[in-house]
Amino acid sequence: MSILIIEDEPKLAEFIRQGLEENGYSTEIALDGKLGLAKALESNFDLVILDVIIPEVSGIDVCKGIRAEKPNMPVIMLTALDTLSDKQRGFDAGADDYLVKPFEFRELLMRVKALTRRVSVSSLSSHVLKVKDLELDLDLKLARRGGKEIALTAKEYQLLEFLMRNKNRVLSRSEIATKVWEINFDTGTNIIDVYINFLRKKIDAGFDLKLIQTQIGMGYIFKDI
């Protein structure tokens, strides 16, 4: 799981990063609220650890911005402000949890594990993937965009599901071939590009917002932002 750390104290940010990565998490750091909010909205993080008092944009406003665009993204607030009214402001902004500085890393880790476990269980119980106005029903194996049903072949469905589960992440042709076709990618074949074009004709044609985008020299990205 990937975690974004928005913290303006470099030593503390690095301390949190090191502890999380030692426990198997991947991390990114943003040292101010403006950059942190941009990263949170542009990338597909599993959780955000957010300081309240940070430059550029306050942690409260960052949390509100995340909630407006990604209502299900877990947020843990870190702050030296420990009054009940301070905590109320944090929870009102949309924080899932609130940890007062100074804290033991073990306690932060317990809270991270609890939140990510809850989100994982919620994801497993959800039977519909949704990106903008595109829905993929995992039970019926059906796709709909703008309420209109889209017929997919079995391989197109597998490819679309993989793209949607990895939205906002650049996927190389090699990774797509390995995960969807279960083969090593042969640079002499264009099967990935052919099936991407099949999907584009079915889910993007006729819509202003194109969800499948090419990253030249790198692969493809399924974007909802």
C-alpha atoms as a PDB file:
ATOM      1  CA  MET A   1       0.000   0.000   0.000  1.00  0.00           C
ATOM      2  CA  SER A   2       1.151   3.530  -0.748  1.00  0.00           C
ATOM      3  CA  ILE A   3       0.986   6.360   1.788  1.00  0.00           C
ATOM      4  CA  LEU A   4       1.393  10.102   1.283  1.00  0.00           C
ATOM      5  CA  ILE A   5       3.048  11.980   4.166  1.00  0.00           C
ATOM      6  CA  ILE A   6       2.253  15.713   4.228  1.00  0.00           C
ATOM      7  CA  GLU A   7       4.540  17.136   6.893  1.00  0.00           C
ATOM      8  CA  ASP A   8       6.678  20.302   6.841  1.00  0.00           C
ATOM      9  CA  GLU A   9       9.247  19.087   9.386  1.00  0.00           C
ATOM     10  CA  PRO A  10      11.757  17.159   7.214  1.00  0.00           C
ATOM     11  CA  LYS A  11      13.192  15.112  10.096  1.00  0.00           C
ATOM     12  CA  LEU A  12       9.769  13.988  11.276  1.00  0.00           C
ATOM     13  CA  ALA A  13       8.631  13.266   7.719  1.00  0.00           C
ATOM     14  CA  GLU A  14      11.724  11.148   7.127  1.00  0.00           C
ATOM     15  CA  PHE A  15      11.245   9.364  10.471  1.00  0.00           C
ATOM     16  CA  ILE A  16       7.684   8.428   9.506  1.00  0.00           C
ATOM     17  CA  ARG A  17       8.754   7.418   6.003  1.00  0.00           C
ATOM     18  CA  GLN A  18      11.523   5.148   7.280  1.00  0.00           C
ATOM     19  CA  GLY A  19       9.242   3.454   9.802  1.00  0.00           C
ATOM     20  CA  LEU A  20       6.481   2.841   7.265  1.00  0.00           C
ATOM     21  CA  GLU A  21       8.833   1.508   4.603  1.00  0.00           C
ATOM     22  CA  GLU A  22      10.400  -0.865   7.133  1.00  0.00           C
ATOM     23  CA  ASN A  23       6.875  -2.217   7.610  1.00  0.00           C
ATOM     24  CA  GLY A  24       6.265  -2.789   3.902  1.00  0.00           C
ATOM     25  CA  TYR A  25       4.539   0.441   2.839  1.00  0.00           C
ATOM     26  CA  SER A  26       5.641   2.632  -0.065  1.00  0.00           C
ATOM     27  CA  THR A  27       5.662   6.352   0.694  1.00  0.00           C
ATOM     28  CA  GLU A  28       5.940   9.836  -0.753  1.00  0.00           C
ATOM     29  CA  ILE A  29       6.570  13.076   1.141  1.00  0.00           C
ATOM     30  CA  ALA A  30       5.176  16.564   0.531  1.00  0.00           C
ATOM     31  CA  LEU A  31       6.598  19.385   2.656  1.00  0.00           C
ATOM     32  CA  ASP A  32       3.725  21.846   2.217  1.00  0.00           C
ATOM     33  CA  GLY A  33      -0.046  21.790   1.845  1.00  0.00           C
ATOM     34  CA  LYS A  34      -0.205  22.964  -1.754  1.00  0.00           C
ATOM     35  CA  LEU A  35       2.083  20.218  -3.031  1.00  0.00           C
ATOM     36  CA  GLY A  36       0.485  17.685  -0.712  1.00  0.00           C
ATOM     37  CA  LEU A  37      -3.022  18.365  -1.975  1.00  0.00           C
ATOM     38  CA  ALA A  38      -1.849  18.174  -5.584  1.00  0.00           C
ATOM     39  CA  LYS A  39      -0.144  14.828  -4.956  1.00  0.00           C
ATOM     40  CA  ALA A  40      -3.167  13.448  -3.101  1.00  0.00           C
ATOM     41  CA  LEU A  41      -5.508  14.303  -5.963  1.00  0.00           C
ATOM     42  CA  GLU A  42      -3.191  13.330  -8.799  1.00  0.00           C
ATOM     43  CA  SER A  43      -2.025   9.944  -7.508  1.00  0.00           C
ATOM     44  CA  ASN A  44      -3.753   6.866  -6.187  1.00  0.00           C
ATOM     45  CA  PHE A  45      -2.614   6.683  -2.548  1.00  0.00           C
ATOM     46  CA  ASP A  46      -4.166   4.266  -0.070  1.00  0.00           C
ATOM     47  CA  LEU A  47      -3.842   6.637   2.889  1.00  0.00           C
ATOM     48  CA  VAL A  48      -2.695  10.177   3.752  1.00  0.00           C
ATOM     49  CA  ILE A  49      -0.856  11.198   6.926  1.00  0.00           C
ATOM     50  CA  LEU A  50      -1.412  14.938   7.250  1.00  0.00           C
ATOM     51  CA  ASP A  51       0.007  17.580   9.593  1.00  0.00           C
ATOM     52  CA  VAL A  52      -2.434  20.359  10.462  1.00  0.00           C
ATOM     53  CA  ILE A  53      -0.039  23.297  10.655  1.00  0.00           C
ATOM     54  CA  ILE A  54       1.786  23.355   7.317  1.00  0.00           C
ATOM     55  CA  PRO A  55       2.728  26.158   4.891  1.00  0.00           C
ATOM     56  CA  GLU A  56       0.911  27.223   1.698  1.00  0.00           C
ATOM     57  CA  VAL A  57      -2.408  25.458   2.454  1.00  0.00           C
ATOM     58  CA  SER A  58      -3.459  24.429   5.975  1.00  0.00           C
ATOM     59  CA  GLY A  59      -3.963  20.784   6.831  1.00  0.00           C
ATOM     60  CA  ILE A  60      -7.640  21.472   7.493  1.00  0.00           C
ATOM     61  CA  ASP A  61      -8.093  22.853   3.962  1.00  0.00           C
ATOM     62  CA  VAL A  62      -6.030  20.038   2.461  1.00  0.00           C
ATOM     63  CA  CYS A  63      -8.291  17.515   4.164  1.00  0.00           C
ATOM     64  CA  LYS A  64     -11.389  19.293   2.881  1.00  0.00           C
ATOM     65  CA  GLY A  65      -9.920  19.288  -0.631  1.00  0.00           C
ATOM     66  CA  ILE A  66      -9.202  15.565  -0.467  1.00  0.00           C
ATOM     67  CA  ARG A  67     -12.691  14.836   0.854  1.00  0.00           C
ATOM     68  CA  ALA A  68     -14.305  16.825  -1.972  1.00  0.00           C
ATOM     69  CA  GLU A  69     -12.551  14.799  -4.676  1.00  0.00           C
ATOM     70  CA  LYS A  70     -11.765  11.472  -3.014  1.00  0.00           C
ATOM     71  CA  PRO A  71     -14.296  10.914  -0.222  1.00  0.00           C
ATOM     72  CA  ASN A  72     -13.103   7.379   0.552  1.00  0.00           C
ATOM     73  CA  MET A  73      -9.384   8.111   0.960  1.00  0.00           C
ATOM     74  CA  PRO A  74      -8.372   7.582   4.636  1.00  0.00           C
ATOM     75  CA  VAL A  75      -6.715  10.568   6.335  1.00  0.00           C
ATOM     76  CA  ILE A  76      -4.823  10.563   9.638  1.00  0.00           C
ATOM     77  CA  MET A  77      -4.143  14.038  11.047  1.00  0.00           C
ATOM     78  CA  LEU A  78      -0.998  14.770  13.053  1.00  0.00           C
ATOM     79  CA  THR A  79      -0.830  17.901  15.186  1.00  0.00           C
ATOM     80  CA  ALA A  80       0.468  19.496  18.355  1.00  0.00           C
ATOM     81  CA  LEU A  81      -3.008  20.991  18.885  1.00  0.00           C
ATOM     82  CA  ASP A  82      -4.719  18.754  21.403  1.00  0.00           C
ATOM     83  CA  THR A  83      -7.816  20.543  22.651  1.00  0.00           C
ATOM     84  CA  LEU A  84     -11.230  19.037  22.044  1.00  0.00           C
ATOM     85  CA  SER A  85     -12.172  21.915  19.733  1.00  0.00           C
ATOM     86  CA  ASP A  86      -8.999  21.339  17.676  1.00  0.00           C
ATOM     87  CA  LYS A  87      -9.879  17.678  17.282  1.00  0.00           C
ATOM     88  CA  GLN A  88     -13.444  18.622  16.365  1.00  0.00           C
ATOM     89  CA  ARG A  89     -12.148  20.847  13.555  1.00  0.00           C
ATOM     90  CA  GLY A  90     -10.073  17.986  12.235  1.00  0.00           C
ATOM     91  CA  PHE A  91     -12.925  15.508  12.250  1.00  0.00           C
ATOM     92  CA  ASP A  92     -15.313  18.079  10.777  1.00  0.00           C
ATOM     93  CA  ALA A  93     -12.851  18.578   7.901  1.00  0.00           C
ATOM     94  CA  GLY A  94     -13.108  14.857   7.175  1.00  0.00           C
ATOM     95  CA  ALA A  95     -10.206  13.249   9.059  1.00  0.00           C
ATOM     96  CA  ASP A  96     -10.636   9.558   9.891  1.00  0.00           C
ATOM     97  CA  ASP A  97      -8.229   9.651  12.818  1.00  0.00           C
ATOM     98  CA  TYR A  98      -6.302  12.214  14.859  1.00  0.00           C
ATOM     99  CA  LEU A  99      -2.919  11.723  16.542  1.00  0.00           C
ATOM    100  CA  VAL A 100      -1.364  14.340  18.832  1.00  0.00           C
ATOM    101  CA  LYS A 101       2.372  15.096  18.731  1.00  0.00           C
ATOM    102  CA  PRO A 102       4.621  13.849  20.178  1.00  0.00           C
ATOM    103  CA  PHE A 103       3.606  10.258  19.522  1.00  0.00           C
ATOM    104  CA  GLU A 104       5.206   6.839  19.452  1.00  0.00           C
ATOM    105  CA  PHE A 105       5.649   5.431  15.969  1.00  0.00           C
ATOM    106  CA  ARG A 106       4.074   2.152  17.124  1.00  0.00           C
ATOM    107  CA  GLU A 107       0.817   3.976  17.802  1.00  0.00           C
ATOM    108  CA  LEU A 108       0.846   5.615  14.357  1.00  0.00           C
ATOM    109  CA  LEU A 109       1.527   2.230  12.777  1.00  0.00           C
ATOM    110  CA  MET A 110      -1.400   0.649  14.646  1.00  0.00           C
ATOM    111  CA  ARG A 111      -3.719   3.366  13.380  1.00  0.00           C
ATOM    112  CA  VAL A 112      -2.418   3.026   9.821  1.00  0.00           C
ATOM    113  CA  LYS A 113      -2.979  -0.737   9.913  1.00  0.00           C
ATOM    114  CA  ALA A 114      -6.484  -0.331  11.333  1.00  0.00           C
ATOM    115  CA  LEU A 115      -7.518   2.172   8.655  1.00  0.00           C
ATOM    116  CA  THR A 116      -5.973   0.306   5.722  1.00  0.00           C
ATOM    117  CA  ARG A 117      -7.515  -2.963   6.933  1.00  0.00           C
ATOM    118  CA  ARG A 118     -10.931  -1.313   7.071  1.00  0.00           C
ATOM    119  CA  VAL A 119     -10.534   0.086   3.563  1.00  0.00           C
ATOM    120  CA  SER A 120      -9.359  -3.302   2.222  1.00  0.00           C
ATOM    121  CA  VAL A 121     -12.422  -5.043   3.646  1.00  0.00           C
ATOM    122  CA  SER A 122     -14.654  -2.349   2.183  1.00  0.00           C
ATOM    123  CA  SER A 123     -13.035  -2.751  -1.240  1.00  0.00           C
ATOM    124  CA  LEU A 124     -13.491  -6.510  -1.185  1.00  0.00           C
ATOM    125  CA  SER A 125     -17.183  -6.114  -0.406  1.00  0.00           C
ATOM    126  CA  SER A 126     -17.697  -3.679  -3.280  1.00  0.00           C
ATOM    127  CA  HIS A 127     -18.790  -5.348  -6.519  1.00  0.00           C
ATOM    128  CA  VAL A 128     -18.657  -2.313  -8.799  1.00  0.00           C
ATOM    129  CA  LEU A 129     -15.585  -0.388  -9.909  1.00  0.00           C
ATOM    130  CA  LYS A 130     -16.393   3.219 -10.770  1.00  0.00           C
ATOM    131  CA  VAL A 131     -14.271   5.869 -12.480  1.00  0.00           C
ATOM    132  CA  LYS A 132     -16.105   9.076 -13.406  1.00  0.00           C
ATOM    133  CA  ASP A 133     -19.195   7.938 -15.360  1.00  0.00           C
ATOM    134  CA  LEU A 134     -17.760   4.500 -16.193  1.00  0.00           C
ATOM    135  CA  GLU A 135     -18.851   1.516 -14.102  1.00  0.00           C
ATOM    136  CA  LEU A 136     -17.614  -2.063 -14.199  1.00  0.00           C
ATOM    137  CA  ASP A 137     -19.935  -4.592 -12.527  1.00  0.00           C
ATOM    138  CA  LEU A 138     -17.686  -7.367 -11.207  1.00  0.00           C
ATOM    139  CA  ASP A 139     -20.586  -9.766 -10.635  1.00  0.00           C
ATOM    140  CA  LEU A 140     -22.308  -9.395 -13.996  1.00  0.00           C
ATOM    141  CA  LYS A 141     -19.051  -8.727 -15.890  1.00  0.00           C
ATOM    142  CA  LEU A 142     -20.649  -5.707 -17.523  1.00  0.00           C
ATOM    143  CA  ALA A 143     -19.417  -2.217 -18.303  1.00  0.00           C
ATOM    144  CA  ARG A 144     -21.575   0.904 -18.472  1.00  0.00           C
ATOM    145  CA  ARG A 145     -20.662   4.452 -19.339  1.00  0.00           C
ATOM    146  CA  GLY A 146     -23.138   7.276 -18.986  1.00  0.00           C
ATOM    147  CA  GLY A 147     -25.716   4.603 -18.138  1.00  0.00           C
ATOM    148  CA  LYS A 148     -25.233   2.833 -21.470  1.00  0.00           C
ATOM    149  CA  GLU A 149     -24.187  -0.814 -21.423  1.00  0.00           C
ATOM    150  CA  ILE A 150     -20.964  -1.692 -23.269  1.00  0.00           C
ATOM    151  CA  ALA A 151     -20.371  -5.201 -24.628  1.00  0.00           C
ATOM    152  CA  LEU A 152     -16.861  -6.506 -23.905  1.00  0.00           C
ATOM    153  CA  THR A 153     -15.007  -9.664 -24.828  1.00  0.00           C
ATOM    154  CA  ALA A 154     -13.459 -11.640 -21.967  1.00  0.00           C
ATOM    155  CA  LYS A 155      -9.972 -10.215 -22.621  1.00  0.00           C
ATOM    156  CA  GLU A 156     -11.275  -6.653 -23.018  1.00  0.00           C
ATOM    157  CA  TYR A 157     -13.027  -7.033 -19.664  1.00  0.00           C
ATOM    158  CA  GLN A 158      -9.819  -8.268 -17.988  1.00  0.00           C
ATOM    159  CA  LEU A 159      -7.840  -5.403 -19.476  1.00  0.00           C
ATOM    160  CA  LEU A 160     -10.406  -2.799 -18.440  1.00  0.00           C
ATOM    161  CA  GLU A 161     -10.581  -4.170 -14.891  1.00  0.00           C
ATOM    162  CA  PHE A 162      -6.782  -4.024 -14.599  1.00  0.00           C
ATOM    163  CA  LEU A 163      -6.697  -0.443 -15.892  1.00  0.00           C
ATOM    164  CA  MET A 164      -9.471   0.689 -13.545  1.00  0.00           C
ATOM    165  CA  ARG A 165      -7.896  -0.929 -10.481  1.00  0.00           C
ATOM    166  CA  ASN A 166      -4.670   0.919 -11.312  1.00  0.00           C
ATOM    167  CA  LYS A 167      -6.166   4.273 -12.279  1.00  0.00           C
ATOM    168  CA  ASN A 168      -3.892   7.323 -12.374  1.00  0.00           C
ATOM    169  CA  ARG A 169      -0.790   5.097 -12.603  1.00  0.00           C
ATOM    170  CA  VAL A 170       1.332   4.737 -15.733  1.00  0.00           C
ATOM    171  CA  LEU A 171       1.299   1.081 -16.803  1.00  0.00           C
ATOM    172  CA  SER A 172       3.992  -0.213 -19.135  1.00  0.00           C
ATOM    173  CA  ARG A 173       3.161  -2.620 -21.943  1.00  0.00           C
ATOM    174  CA  SER A 174       5.322  -5.184 -20.169  1.00  0.00           C
ATOM    175  CA  GLU A 175       3.301  -4.921 -16.938  1.00  0.00           C
ATOM    176  CA  ILE A 176      -0.004  -5.131 -18.802  1.00  0.00           C
ATOM    177  CA  ALA A 177       1.187  -8.210 -20.717  1.00  0.00           C
ATOM    178  CA  THR A 178       2.329  -9.910 -17.512  1.00  0.00           C
ATOM    179  CA  LYS A 179      -0.775  -9.159 -15.453  1.00  0.00           C
ATOM    180  CA  VAL A 180      -3.513  -9.499 -18.117  1.00  0.00           C
ATOM    181  CA  TRP A 181      -2.065 -11.971 -20.636  1.00  0.00           C
ATOM    182  CA  GLU A 182       0.285 -13.727 -18.177  1.00  0.00           C
ATOM    183  CA  ILE A 183       3.081 -13.657 -20.745  1.00  0.00           C
ATOM    184  CA  ASN A 184       6.444 -11.949 -21.039  1.00  0.00           C
ATOM    185  CA  PHE A 185       6.135  -8.940 -23.285  1.00  0.00           C
ATOM    186  CA  ASP A 186       7.539  -9.402 -26.788  1.00  0.00           C
ATOM    187  CA  THR A 187       8.535  -6.070 -28.305  1.00  0.00           C
ATOM    188  CA  GLY A 188       7.776  -7.529 -31.703  1.00  0.00           C
ATOM    189  CA  THR A 189       4.048  -7.788 -30.997  1.00  0.00           C
ATOM    190  CA  ASN A 190       1.446  -5.016 -30.866  1.00  0.00           C
ATOM    191  CA  ILE A 191      -1.258  -7.007 -29.069  1.00  0.00           C
ATOM    192  CA  ILE A 192      -1.384  -4.547 -26.150  1.00  0.00           C
ATOM    193  CA  ASP A 193      -1.879  -1.565 -28.449  1.00  0.00           C
ATOM    194  CA  VAL A 194      -4.513  -3.425 -30.456  1.00  0.00           C
ATOM    195  CA  TYR A 195      -6.607  -4.201 -27.363  1.00  0.00           C
ATOM    196  CA  ILE A 196      -6.152  -0.700 -25.966  1.00  0.00           C
ATOM    197  CA  ASN A 197      -7.588   0.611 -29.243  1.00  0.00           C
ATOM    198  CA  PHE A 198     -10.488  -1.855 -28.972  1.00  0.00           C
ATOM    199  CA  LEU A 199     -11.291  -0.497 -25.513  1.00  0.00           C
ATOM    200  CA  ARG A 200     -10.939   3.124 -26.599  1.00  0.00           C
ATOM    201  CA  LYS A 201     -13.496   2.616 -29.337  1.00  0.00           C
ATOM    202  CA  LYS A 202     -15.912   1.102 -26.842  1.00  0.00           C
ATOM    203  CA  ILE A 203     -15.545   3.291 -23.746  1.00  0.00           C
ATOM    204  CA  ASP A 204     -14.062   6.602 -24.948  1.00  0.00           C
ATOM    205  CA  ALA A 205     -15.584   7.139 -28.387  1.00  0.00           C
ATOM    206  CA  GLY A 206     -18.256   9.843 -28.245  1.00  0.00           C
ATOM    207  CA  PHE A 207     -17.183  11.174 -24.836  1.00  0.00           C
ATOM    208  CA  ASP A 208     -15.315  14.450 -24.265  1.00  0.00           C
ATOM    209  CA  LEU A 209     -13.327  12.975 -21.378  1.00  0.00           C
ATOM    210  CA  LYS A 210     -10.931  10.315 -22.654  1.00  0.00           C
ATOM    211  CA  LEU A 211     -10.132   7.915 -19.814  1.00  0.00           C
ATOM    212  CA  ILE A 212      -7.395   5.881 -21.542  1.00  0.00           C
ATOM    213  CA  GLN A 213      -4.397   8.046 -22.338  1.00  0.00           C
ATOM    214  CA  THR A 214      -1.005   7.274 -23.867  1.00  0.00           C
ATOM    215  CA  GLN A 215       2.190   8.208 -22.061  1.00  0.00           C
ATOM    216  CA  ILE A 216       4.662   8.354 -24.934  1.00  0.00           C
ATOM    217  CA  GLY A 217       7.598   6.028 -24.409  1.00  0.00           C
ATOM    218  CA  MET A 218       6.163   4.676 -21.150  1.00  0.00           C
ATOM    219  CA  GLY A 219       2.800   3.012 -21.707  1.00  0.00           C
ATOM    220  CA  TYR A 220      -0.793   3.839 -20.817  1.00  0.00           C
ATOM    221  CA  ILE A 221      -2.619   5.536 -17.971  1.00  0.00           C
ATOM    222  CA  PHE A 222      -6.297   5.343 -17.023  1.00  0.00           C
ATOM    223  CA  LYS A 223      -7.023   8.871 -15.787  1.00  0.00           C
ATOM    224  CA  ASP A 224      -9.975  10.251 -13.872  1.00  0.00           C
ATOM    225  CA  ILE A 225      -8.441  13.666 -13.159  1.00  0.00           C
END
